[in-house]
Amino acid sequence: MPIITRARRLTVQTATGLALLMSLVGCGSGDDLARSIGLTRDAPDEFTVTTRAPLSMPPDFSIKPPQPGASRPQERSASASAAAALSPQTALSSASKTSPGEQALLAASGPQAPSGIRTDVNKEAHLDAGNPSFTDRLMFWKAAPQAGTVVDPTKESQRLHENAALGQPTQAGDTPIIQPKSTPLLNSLLGNVF
């Protein structure tokens, strides 16, 4: 008999433990339970963190202290700081004058680039255009199509003379265009590469 009571007691304890565990799990969602136990970290959102200017003593003691809740004049708004991050030249041009520290930094940075540096770089880049490498020929095997349509000049001149002789406006009739020649597929693929 003692074996049966021990087995019953173990079954009752196991059932009670499972019931308590299920009630504990049913009290909240998994995230809330893990957070309350301390298994998850609550890191601050890095996109909502803002910086504040340091507090400093004003040089003039006749300045009134700020009112609680009033905006701080030394801080920029979020939209102004975003505009300064996207276009720093706009932020720099809005400053009335540069400080002596900024002037010293600009002077220490060295001479400015020559005014025609962009054209010189473009000229040097196009020097190799006459003799492209194998990789360039492989990548850019097909010539870029011409923009627009090409008008056949002799047929267009003939059409304009006929319209003038018949007394019709110059817009009458279709404008003749030059159709590009079609080449076989294999020739167009291999002709420009090798």
N, C-alpha and C. Protein backbone atom coordinates (compact mmCIF):
# COMPACT_ATOMS: atom_id res chain seq x y z
N MET A 1 0.79 -1.20 0.00
CA MET A 1 0.00 0.00 0.00
C MET A 1 0.84 1.27 0.00
N PRO A 2 1.98 1.29 0.72
CA PRO A 2 2.74 2.53 0.74
C PRO A 2 3.26 2.91 -0.65
N ILE A 3 3.47 1.98 -1.56
CA ILE A 3 3.95 2.29 -2.90
C ILE A 3 2.88 3.04 -3.68
N ILE A 4 1.63 2.67 -3.55
CA ILE A 4 0.53 3.31 -4.27
C ILE A 4 0.34 4.73 -3.76
N THR A 5 0.42 4.95 -2.48
CA THR A 5 0.24 6.31 -1.94
C THR A 5 1.41 7.21 -2.36
N ARG A 6 2.61 6.65 -2.41
CA ARG A 6 3.76 7.44 -2.84
C ARG A 6 3.60 7.83 -4.32
N ALA A 7 3.13 6.95 -5.14
CA ALA A 7 2.90 7.23 -6.56
C ALA A 7 1.80 8.26 -6.72
N ARG A 8 0.71 8.14 -5.89
CA ARG A 8 -0.36 9.12 -5.96
C ARG A 8 0.14 10.50 -5.53
N ARG A 9 0.92 10.53 -4.49
CA ARG A 9 1.44 11.80 -4.01
C ARG A 9 2.32 12.45 -5.08
N LEU A 10 3.15 11.66 -5.75
CA LEU A 10 4.01 12.18 -6.81
C LEU A 10 3.17 12.69 -7.99
N THR A 11 2.10 11.99 -8.32
CA THR A 11 1.20 12.40 -9.40
C THR A 11 0.49 13.69 -9.03
N VAL A 12 0.02 13.79 -7.79
CA VAL A 12 -0.67 14.99 -7.35
C VAL A 12 0.30 16.18 -7.34
N GLN A 13 1.52 15.99 -6.88
CA GLN A 13 2.51 17.07 -6.87
C GLN A 13 2.86 17.51 -8.29
N THR A 14 3.01 16.54 -9.18
CA THR A 14 3.32 16.86 -10.58
C THR A 14 2.17 17.63 -11.21
N ALA A 15 0.94 17.18 -10.98
CA ALA A 15 -0.23 17.85 -11.55
C ALA A 15 -0.36 19.26 -10.99
N THR A 16 -0.09 19.43 -9.69
CA THR A 16 -0.17 20.76 -9.08
C THR A 16 0.91 21.67 -9.66
N GLY A 17 2.10 21.15 -9.82
CA GLY A 17 3.18 21.95 -10.40
C GLY A 17 2.88 22.38 -11.83
N LEU A 18 2.33 21.45 -12.62
CA LEU A 18 1.96 21.80 -13.99
C LEU A 18 0.85 22.83 -14.02
N ALA A 19 -0.12 22.72 -13.12
CA ALA A 19 -1.23 23.67 -13.06
C ALA A 19 -0.70 25.05 -12.69
N LEU A 20 0.22 25.15 -11.74
CA LEU A 20 0.80 26.44 -11.37
C LEU A 20 1.62 27.03 -12.52
N LEU A 21 2.36 26.18 -13.20
CA LEU A 21 3.15 26.65 -14.34
C LEU A 21 2.25 27.17 -15.45
N MET A 22 1.17 26.45 -15.74
CA MET A 22 0.24 26.89 -16.79
C MET A 22 -0.45 28.19 -16.40
N SER A 23 -0.79 28.35 -15.12
CA SER A 23 -1.43 29.59 -14.69
C SER A 23 -0.45 30.75 -14.77
N LEU A 24 0.83 30.48 -14.48
CA LEU A 24 1.84 31.52 -14.58
C LEU A 24 2.05 31.94 -16.03
N VAL A 25 2.07 30.98 -16.93
CA VAL A 25 2.22 31.28 -18.35
C VAL A 25 0.99 32.00 -18.87
N GLY A 26 -0.17 31.65 -18.40
CA GLY A 26 -1.41 32.27 -18.86
C GLY A 26 -1.61 33.67 -18.35
N CYS A 27 -0.82 34.13 -17.37
CA CYS A 27 -1.00 35.47 -16.81
C CYS A 27 -0.61 36.57 -17.79
N GLY A 28 0.30 36.34 -18.65
CA GLY A 28 0.74 37.39 -19.58
C GLY A 28 1.36 36.76 -20.81
N SER A 29 1.68 37.63 -21.76
CA SER A 29 2.31 37.12 -22.98
C SER A 29 3.75 36.74 -22.67
N GLY A 30 4.39 36.08 -23.62
CA GLY A 30 5.75 35.60 -23.41
C GLY A 30 6.74 36.74 -23.22
N ASP A 31 6.54 37.85 -23.94
CA ASP A 31 7.44 38.98 -23.80
C ASP A 31 7.33 39.63 -22.42
N ASP A 32 6.07 39.76 -21.94
CA ASP A 32 5.89 40.37 -20.63
C ASP A 32 6.49 39.50 -19.54
N LEU A 33 6.31 38.20 -19.64
CA LEU A 33 6.85 37.29 -18.64
C LEU A 33 8.38 37.31 -18.66
N ALA A 34 8.97 37.28 -19.86
CA ALA A 34 10.42 37.31 -19.96
C ALA A 34 10.98 38.64 -19.47
N ARG A 35 10.25 39.74 -19.73
CA ARG A 35 10.71 41.05 -19.28
C ARG A 35 10.61 41.16 -17.76
N SER A 36 9.51 40.62 -17.18
CA SER A 36 9.35 40.72 -15.73
C SER A 36 10.35 39.84 -14.99
N ILE A 37 10.74 38.75 -15.60
CA ILE A 37 11.75 37.89 -14.98
C ILE A 37 13.14 38.50 -15.17
N GLY A 38 13.33 39.29 -16.23
CA GLY A 38 14.61 39.93 -16.47
C GLY A 38 15.43 39.23 -17.53
N LEU A 39 14.77 38.50 -18.44
CA LEU A 39 15.49 37.77 -19.47
C LEU A 39 15.73 38.59 -20.73
N THR A 40 15.03 39.72 -20.89
CA THR A 40 15.22 40.54 -22.09
C THR A 40 15.84 41.87 -21.69
N ARG A 41 16.56 42.46 -22.64
CA ARG A 41 17.17 43.76 -22.41
C ARG A 41 16.30 44.83 -23.04
N ASP A 42 16.14 45.91 -22.36
CA ASP A 42 15.40 47.04 -22.89
C ASP A 42 16.39 48.16 -23.20
N ALA A 43 16.96 48.11 -24.40
CA ALA A 43 17.91 49.13 -24.82
C ALA A 43 17.14 50.33 -25.35
N PRO A 44 17.66 51.52 -25.20
CA PRO A 44 16.96 52.69 -25.75
C PRO A 44 17.00 52.68 -27.27
N ASP A 45 16.00 53.26 -27.86
CA ASP A 45 15.93 53.35 -29.32
C ASP A 45 16.95 54.37 -29.79
N GLU A 46 17.92 53.96 -30.61
CA GLU A 46 19.00 54.86 -30.99
C GLU A 46 18.54 55.95 -31.93
N PHE A 47 17.35 55.82 -32.52
CA PHE A 47 16.87 56.85 -33.43
C PHE A 47 16.11 57.95 -32.70
N THR A 48 15.75 57.73 -31.44
CA THR A 48 15.04 58.77 -30.69
C THR A 48 15.93 59.48 -29.69
N VAL A 49 17.18 59.08 -29.61
CA VAL A 49 18.09 59.72 -28.67
C VAL A 49 18.53 61.06 -29.24
N THR A 50 18.42 62.11 -28.46
CA THR A 50 18.86 63.43 -28.90
C THR A 50 19.93 63.93 -27.94
N THR A 51 20.76 64.80 -28.44
CA THR A 51 21.81 65.36 -27.61
C THR A 51 21.39 66.74 -27.15
N ARG A 52 21.86 67.12 -25.99
CA ARG A 52 21.57 68.45 -25.46
C ARG A 52 22.89 69.20 -25.34
N ALA A 53 22.81 70.49 -25.55
CA ALA A 53 24.00 71.32 -25.41
C ALA A 53 24.40 71.37 -23.93
N PRO A 54 25.69 71.44 -23.64
CA PRO A 54 26.10 71.46 -22.23
C PRO A 54 25.69 72.78 -21.57
N LEU A 55 25.44 72.68 -20.29
CA LEU A 55 25.10 73.87 -19.52
C LEU A 55 26.36 74.67 -19.27
N SER A 56 26.25 75.97 -19.37
CA SER A 56 27.41 76.82 -19.11
C SER A 56 26.93 78.10 -18.45
N MET A 57 27.82 78.72 -17.75
CA MET A 57 27.50 79.98 -17.07
C MET A 57 27.62 81.11 -18.07
N PRO A 58 26.60 81.93 -18.22
CA PRO A 58 26.69 83.03 -19.18
C PRO A 58 27.69 84.07 -18.71
N PRO A 59 28.37 84.74 -19.64
CA PRO A 59 29.35 85.74 -19.24
C PRO A 59 28.72 86.99 -18.66
N ASP A 60 27.47 87.22 -19.00
CA ASP A 60 26.79 88.42 -18.49
C ASP A 60 25.78 87.97 -17.43
N PHE A 61 25.89 88.50 -16.23
CA PHE A 61 25.01 88.07 -15.16
C PHE A 61 23.67 88.79 -15.16
N SER A 62 23.49 89.72 -16.09
CA SER A 62 22.21 90.42 -16.16
C SER A 62 21.20 89.67 -17.02
N ILE A 63 21.61 88.54 -17.59
CA ILE A 63 20.70 87.75 -18.41
C ILE A 63 19.71 87.04 -17.51
N LYS A 64 18.46 87.03 -17.94
CA LYS A 64 17.42 86.39 -17.14
C LYS A 64 17.54 84.88 -17.26
N PRO A 65 17.28 84.15 -16.20
CA PRO A 65 17.31 82.69 -16.29
C PRO A 65 16.15 82.20 -17.15
N PRO A 66 16.32 81.05 -17.80
CA PRO A 66 15.24 80.55 -18.67
C PRO A 66 14.04 80.09 -17.85
N GLN A 67 12.90 80.17 -18.50
CA GLN A 67 11.67 79.72 -17.87
C GLN A 67 11.57 78.21 -17.98
N PRO A 68 11.03 77.54 -16.96
CA PRO A 68 10.88 76.08 -17.05
C PRO A 68 9.95 75.71 -18.21
N GLY A 69 10.39 74.78 -19.01
CA GLY A 69 9.59 74.30 -20.14
C GLY A 69 9.78 75.09 -21.41
N ALA A 70 10.50 76.21 -21.37
CA ALA A 70 10.73 77.02 -22.57
C ALA A 70 11.80 76.35 -23.42
N SER A 71 11.74 76.61 -24.73
CA SER A 71 12.73 76.00 -25.62
C SER A 71 14.09 76.65 -25.38
N ARG A 72 15.14 75.86 -25.57
CA ARG A 72 16.49 76.34 -25.33
C ARG A 72 16.99 77.03 -26.60
N PRO A 73 17.49 78.27 -26.52
CA PRO A 73 17.87 79.00 -27.73
C PRO A 73 19.14 78.45 -28.39
N GLN A 74 20.00 77.78 -27.67
CA GLN A 74 21.25 77.28 -28.26
C GLN A 74 21.07 75.96 -28.99
N GLU A 75 19.90 75.36 -28.90
CA GLU A 75 19.66 74.09 -29.59
C GLU A 75 18.89 74.33 -30.87
N ARG A 76 19.24 73.55 -31.88
CA ARG A 76 18.50 73.62 -33.14
C ARG A 76 17.34 72.65 -33.09
N SER A 77 16.34 72.92 -33.88
CA SER A 77 15.21 71.99 -33.96
C SER A 77 15.64 70.73 -34.71
N ALA A 78 14.82 69.70 -34.60
CA ALA A 78 15.15 68.44 -35.27
C ALA A 78 15.17 68.61 -36.78
N SER A 79 14.27 69.43 -37.33
CA SER A 79 14.26 69.64 -38.78
C SER A 79 15.49 70.41 -39.24
N ALA A 80 15.94 71.38 -38.43
CA ALA A 80 17.15 72.13 -38.81
C ALA A 80 18.39 71.26 -38.75
N SER A 81 18.48 70.39 -37.74
CA SER A 81 19.65 69.51 -37.66
C SER A 81 19.63 68.47 -38.77
N ALA A 82 18.43 68.02 -39.19
CA ALA A 82 18.34 67.09 -40.32
C ALA A 82 18.75 67.77 -41.62
N ALA A 83 18.33 69.02 -41.80
CA ALA A 83 18.72 69.76 -43.00
C ALA A 83 20.22 69.99 -43.03
N ALA A 84 20.80 70.26 -41.86
CA ALA A 84 22.25 70.46 -41.80
C ALA A 84 23.00 69.16 -42.10
N ALA A 85 22.44 68.03 -41.69
CA ALA A 85 23.09 66.75 -41.97
C ALA A 85 22.99 66.39 -43.45
N LEU A 86 21.88 66.73 -44.10
CA LEU A 86 21.69 66.40 -45.51
C LEU A 86 22.45 67.34 -46.43
N SER A 87 22.51 68.62 -46.09
CA SER A 87 23.23 69.58 -46.91
C SER A 87 24.06 70.48 -46.00
N PRO A 88 25.29 70.07 -45.71
CA PRO A 88 26.11 70.87 -44.80
C PRO A 88 26.45 72.24 -45.35
N GLN A 89 26.47 72.42 -46.69
CA GLN A 89 26.78 73.73 -47.25
C GLN A 89 25.71 74.74 -46.88
N THR A 90 24.45 74.30 -46.79
CA THR A 90 23.37 75.20 -46.39
C THR A 90 23.57 75.66 -44.96
N ALA A 91 23.97 74.72 -44.09
CA ALA A 91 24.19 75.07 -42.70
C ALA A 91 25.38 76.00 -42.55
N LEU A 92 26.42 75.79 -43.36
CA LEU A 92 27.59 76.65 -43.28
C LEU A 92 27.31 78.05 -43.82
N SER A 93 26.49 78.13 -44.87
CA SER A 93 26.22 79.44 -45.45
C SER A 93 25.29 80.27 -44.58
N SER A 94 24.50 79.62 -43.71
CA SER A 94 23.59 80.37 -42.85
C SER A 94 24.34 81.05 -41.71
N ALA A 95 25.57 80.61 -41.41
CA ALA A 95 26.34 81.24 -40.35
C ALA A 95 26.78 82.63 -40.81
N SER A 96 26.70 83.61 -39.91
CA SER A 96 27.02 84.98 -40.30
C SER A 96 28.51 85.15 -40.54
N LYS A 97 29.36 84.56 -39.70
CA LYS A 97 30.80 84.65 -39.90
C LYS A 97 31.46 83.43 -39.29
N THR A 98 32.65 83.16 -39.73
CA THR A 98 33.37 82.01 -39.19
C THR A 98 34.15 82.44 -37.96
N SER A 99 34.26 81.53 -37.03
CA SER A 99 34.99 81.83 -35.81
C SER A 99 36.49 81.77 -36.08
N PRO A 100 37.31 82.32 -35.18
CA PRO A 100 38.76 82.24 -35.38
C PRO A 100 39.26 80.80 -35.42
N GLY A 101 38.64 79.91 -34.68
CA GLY A 101 39.04 78.50 -34.71
C GLY A 101 38.77 77.88 -36.06
N GLU A 102 37.61 78.20 -36.66
CA GLU A 102 37.30 77.68 -37.99
C GLU A 102 38.25 78.25 -39.04
N GLN A 103 38.58 79.53 -38.90
CA GLN A 103 39.52 80.13 -39.85
C GLN A 103 40.90 79.48 -39.74
N ALA A 104 41.33 79.16 -38.51
CA ALA A 104 42.62 78.50 -38.32
C ALA A 104 42.60 77.10 -38.91
N LEU A 105 41.48 76.40 -38.75
CA LEU A 105 41.35 75.05 -39.30
C LEU A 105 41.39 75.09 -40.83
N LEU A 106 40.70 76.05 -41.44
CA LEU A 106 40.71 76.17 -42.89
C LEU A 106 42.10 76.53 -43.41
N ALA A 107 42.81 77.39 -42.66
CA ALA A 107 44.15 77.76 -43.08
C ALA A 107 45.12 76.59 -42.96
N ALA A 108 44.93 75.75 -41.94
CA ALA A 108 45.82 74.61 -41.73
C ALA A 108 45.52 73.46 -42.70
N SER A 109 44.34 73.48 -43.33
CA SER A 109 43.98 72.37 -44.22
C SER A 109 44.74 72.41 -45.53
N GLY A 110 45.42 73.49 -45.82
CA GLY A 110 46.24 73.55 -47.03
C GLY A 110 45.59 74.36 -48.12
N PRO A 111 46.25 74.43 -49.28
CA PRO A 111 45.71 75.24 -50.38
C PRO A 111 44.46 74.60 -50.97
N GLN A 112 43.64 75.44 -51.56
CA GLN A 112 42.42 74.94 -52.19
C GLN A 112 42.75 74.35 -53.55
N ALA A 113 41.85 73.52 -54.04
CA ALA A 113 42.04 72.88 -55.33
C ALA A 113 41.97 73.92 -56.44
N PRO A 114 42.69 73.71 -57.55
CA PRO A 114 42.61 74.65 -58.67
C PRO A 114 41.19 74.71 -59.22
N SER A 115 40.85 75.83 -59.82
CA SER A 115 39.47 76.02 -60.28
C SER A 115 39.10 75.08 -61.43
N GLY A 116 40.04 74.69 -62.27
CA GLY A 116 39.72 73.83 -63.41
C GLY A 116 40.04 72.37 -63.18
N ILE A 117 40.04 71.93 -61.95
CA ILE A 117 40.44 70.54 -61.66
C ILE A 117 39.45 69.54 -62.23
N ARG A 118 38.17 69.89 -62.25
CA ARG A 118 37.16 68.95 -62.75
C ARG A 118 37.35 68.69 -64.24
N THR A 119 37.65 69.72 -65.02
CA THR A 119 37.86 69.52 -66.45
C THR A 119 39.14 68.72 -66.70
N ASP A 120 40.19 68.96 -65.90
CA ASP A 120 41.42 68.19 -66.06
C ASP A 120 41.19 66.71 -65.79
N VAL A 121 40.44 66.41 -64.75
CA VAL A 121 40.15 65.01 -64.42
C VAL A 121 39.33 64.37 -65.52
N ASN A 122 38.36 65.10 -66.06
CA ASN A 122 37.54 64.55 -67.14
C ASN A 122 38.37 64.29 -68.39
N LYS A 123 39.33 65.19 -68.70
CA LYS A 123 40.20 64.99 -69.86
C LYS A 123 41.05 63.74 -69.67
N GLU A 124 41.62 63.57 -68.49
CA GLU A 124 42.46 62.40 -68.23
C GLU A 124 41.65 61.11 -68.27
N ALA A 125 40.40 61.18 -67.87
CA ALA A 125 39.56 59.98 -67.90
C ALA A 125 39.23 59.56 -69.32
N HIS A 126 39.13 60.53 -70.24
CA HIS A 126 38.77 60.22 -71.62
C HIS A 126 39.97 59.93 -72.51
N LEU A 127 41.19 59.97 -71.98
CA LEU A 127 42.36 59.67 -72.80
C LEU A 127 42.38 58.21 -73.24
N ASP A 128 41.89 57.31 -72.40
CA ASP A 128 41.90 55.89 -72.74
C ASP A 128 40.68 55.48 -73.55
N ALA A 129 39.83 56.41 -73.94
CA ALA A 129 38.62 56.06 -74.68
C ALA A 129 38.95 55.51 -76.06
N GLY A 130 40.09 55.90 -76.67
CA GLY A 130 40.45 55.41 -77.99
C GLY A 130 40.93 53.98 -77.98
N ASN A 131 41.43 53.48 -76.87
CA ASN A 131 41.94 52.12 -76.78
C ASN A 131 41.37 51.45 -75.53
N PRO A 132 40.11 51.01 -75.59
CA PRO A 132 39.51 50.42 -74.39
C PRO A 132 40.11 49.04 -74.10
N SER A 133 40.11 48.68 -72.83
CA SER A 133 40.64 47.37 -72.43
C SER A 133 39.66 46.26 -72.81
N PHE A 134 40.10 45.02 -72.65
CA PHE A 134 39.24 43.89 -72.97
C PHE A 134 38.00 43.88 -72.09
N THR A 135 38.18 44.24 -70.81
CA THR A 135 37.04 44.26 -69.89
C THR A 135 36.02 45.30 -70.31
N ASP A 136 36.49 46.49 -70.73
CA ASP A 136 35.57 47.51 -71.19
C ASP A 136 34.84 47.08 -72.46
N ARG A 137 35.57 46.44 -73.36
CA ARG A 137 34.91 45.95 -74.58
C ARG A 137 33.90 44.87 -74.26
N LEU A 138 34.18 44.06 -73.25
CA LEU A 138 33.26 43.00 -72.87
C LEU A 138 32.02 43.56 -72.19
N MET A 139 32.22 44.54 -71.32
CA MET A 139 31.09 45.11 -70.59
C MET A 139 30.24 46.03 -71.47
N PHE A 140 30.88 46.85 -72.28
CA PHE A 140 30.18 47.84 -73.10
C PHE A 140 30.27 47.45 -74.56
N TRP A 141 29.81 46.25 -74.89
CA TRP A 141 29.94 45.71 -76.23
C TRP A 141 28.99 46.35 -77.21
N LYS A 142 27.93 46.93 -76.74
CA LYS A 142 26.94 47.50 -77.64
C LYS A 142 26.97 49.02 -77.53
N ALA A 143 27.03 49.67 -78.68
CA ALA A 143 27.06 51.13 -78.68
C ALA A 143 25.72 51.68 -78.23
N ALA A 144 25.75 52.81 -77.58
CA ALA A 144 24.51 53.44 -77.12
C ALA A 144 23.72 53.94 -78.32
N PRO A 145 22.40 53.74 -78.32
CA PRO A 145 21.60 54.23 -79.45
C PRO A 145 21.55 55.75 -79.46
N GLN A 146 21.43 56.30 -80.66
CA GLN A 146 21.36 57.75 -80.80
C GLN A 146 20.03 58.24 -80.27
N ALA A 147 20.06 59.43 -79.68
CA ALA A 147 18.84 60.00 -79.14
C ALA A 147 18.00 60.55 -80.27
N GLY A 148 16.70 60.30 -80.25
CA GLY A 148 15.79 60.83 -81.26
C GLY A 148 15.82 60.01 -82.54
N THR A 149 15.17 60.53 -83.56
CA THR A 149 15.13 59.87 -84.86
C THR A 149 15.91 60.71 -85.86
N VAL A 150 16.51 60.03 -86.85
CA VAL A 150 17.33 60.71 -87.86
C VAL A 150 16.46 60.92 -89.10
N VAL A 151 16.37 62.18 -89.52
CA VAL A 151 15.56 62.54 -90.69
C VAL A 151 16.43 62.40 -91.94
N ASP A 152 15.83 61.80 -92.99
CA ASP A 152 16.52 61.67 -94.27
C ASP A 152 16.48 63.04 -94.96
N PRO A 153 17.63 63.72 -95.13
CA PRO A 153 17.59 65.11 -95.61
C PRO A 153 17.14 65.25 -97.07
N THR A 154 17.53 64.34 -97.94
CA THR A 154 17.15 64.50 -99.36
C THR A 154 15.64 64.29 -99.54
N LYS A 155 15.10 63.28 -98.89
CA LYS A 155 13.66 63.03 -99.03
C LYS A 155 12.85 64.13 -98.35
N GLU A 156 13.35 64.65 -97.22
CA GLU A 156 12.65 65.73 -96.53
C GLU A 156 12.65 67.00 -97.38
N SER A 157 13.77 67.30 -98.02
CA SER A 157 13.83 68.47 -98.91
C SER A 157 12.86 68.32 -100.07
N GLN A 158 12.79 67.12 -100.63
CA GLN A 158 11.86 66.86 -101.75
C GLN A 158 10.41 67.03 -101.27
N ARG A 159 10.09 66.56 -100.07
CA ARG A 159 8.73 66.67 -99.54
C ARG A 159 8.36 68.14 -99.32
N LEU A 160 9.30 68.94 -98.79
CA LEU A 160 9.01 70.35 -98.55
C LEU A 160 8.81 71.11 -99.87
N HIS A 161 9.61 70.78 -100.92
CA HIS A 161 9.44 71.43 -102.22
C HIS A 161 8.10 71.06 -102.83
N GLU A 162 7.68 69.79 -102.70
CA GLU A 162 6.38 69.37 -103.23
C GLU A 162 5.24 70.08 -102.51
N ASN A 163 5.33 70.22 -101.17
CA ASN A 163 4.28 70.92 -100.42
C ASN A 163 4.21 72.39 -100.83
N ALA A 164 5.37 73.02 -101.07
CA ALA A 164 5.38 74.43 -101.49
C ALA A 164 4.79 74.58 -102.89
N ALA A 165 5.09 73.62 -103.80
CA ALA A 165 4.57 73.70 -105.16
C ALA A 165 3.06 73.49 -105.19
N LEU A 166 2.54 72.63 -104.31
CA LEU A 166 1.11 72.36 -104.27
C LEU A 166 0.36 73.36 -103.40
N GLY A 167 1.06 74.22 -102.67
CA GLY A 167 0.41 75.22 -101.82
C GLY A 167 -0.06 74.64 -100.49
N GLN A 168 0.52 73.53 -100.09
CA GLN A 168 0.13 72.91 -98.82
C GLN A 168 1.06 73.41 -97.71
N PRO A 169 0.61 73.29 -96.44
CA PRO A 169 1.50 73.69 -95.34
C PRO A 169 2.68 72.71 -95.21
N THR A 170 3.73 73.17 -94.54
CA THR A 170 4.94 72.34 -94.42
C THR A 170 4.72 71.11 -93.55
N GLN A 171 3.71 71.14 -92.70
CA GLN A 171 3.45 69.98 -91.82
C GLN A 171 2.72 68.86 -92.54
N ALA A 172 2.22 69.08 -93.75
CA ALA A 172 1.47 68.06 -94.47
C ALA A 172 2.40 66.93 -94.90
N GLY A 173 1.95 65.70 -94.73
CA GLY A 173 2.73 64.53 -95.12
C GLY A 173 3.59 63.99 -93.98
N ASP A 174 4.12 62.81 -94.20
CA ASP A 174 4.97 62.17 -93.19
C ASP A 174 6.42 62.58 -93.40
N THR A 175 7.11 62.80 -92.29
CA THR A 175 8.54 63.15 -92.35
C THR A 175 9.32 61.86 -92.57
N PRO A 176 10.15 61.79 -93.61
CA PRO A 176 10.91 60.57 -93.86
C PRO A 176 12.09 60.45 -92.88
N ILE A 177 12.24 59.26 -92.32
CA ILE A 177 13.34 59.03 -91.38
C ILE A 177 14.22 57.91 -91.90
N ILE A 178 15.46 57.87 -91.39
CA ILE A 178 16.40 56.82 -91.79
C ILE A 178 16.25 55.66 -90.83
N GLN A 179 15.96 54.49 -91.36
CA GLN A 179 15.81 53.29 -90.55
C GLN A 179 17.18 52.67 -90.34
N PRO A 180 17.53 52.27 -89.09
CA PRO A 180 18.82 51.62 -88.88
C PRO A 180 18.85 50.24 -89.53
N LYS A 181 20.05 49.88 -90.01
CA LYS A 181 20.19 48.58 -90.65
C LYS A 181 20.17 47.49 -89.58
N SER A 182 19.50 46.41 -89.89
CA SER A 182 19.48 45.29 -88.94
C SER A 182 20.63 44.35 -89.27
N THR A 183 21.33 43.91 -88.23
CA THR A 183 22.45 42.98 -88.41
C THR A 183 22.08 41.65 -87.78
N PRO A 184 22.66 40.55 -88.29
CA PRO A 184 22.37 39.26 -87.68
C PRO A 184 22.80 39.26 -86.21
N LEU A 185 22.13 38.46 -85.41
CA LEU A 185 22.36 38.43 -83.98
C LEU A 185 23.78 38.03 -83.63
N LEU A 186 24.31 36.99 -84.28
CA LEU A 186 25.65 36.52 -83.94
C LEU A 186 26.72 37.55 -84.31
N ASN A 187 26.56 38.23 -85.44
CA ASN A 187 27.50 39.27 -85.83
C ASN A 187 27.47 40.45 -84.89
N SER A 188 26.27 40.82 -84.44
CA SER A 188 26.20 41.96 -83.52
C SER A 188 26.77 41.61 -82.15
N LEU A 189 26.67 40.38 -81.73
CA LEU A 189 27.22 39.97 -80.44
C LEU A 189 28.73 39.85 -80.49
N LEU A 190 29.25 39.20 -81.50
CA LEU A 190 30.68 38.92 -81.55
C LEU A 190 31.48 40.01 -82.23
N GLY A 191 30.86 40.82 -83.09
CA GLY A 191 31.59 41.82 -83.84
C GLY A 191 32.19 42.91 -82.98
N ASN A 192 31.52 43.32 -81.93
CA ASN A 192 32.00 44.42 -81.11
C ASN A 192 32.90 43.95 -79.97
N VAL A 193 32.86 42.67 -79.62
CA VAL A 193 33.62 42.18 -78.48
C VAL A 193 35.05 41.89 -78.86
N PHE A 194 35.28 41.23 -80.01
CA PHE A 194 36.62 40.76 -80.35
C PHE A 194 37.21 41.54 -81.49
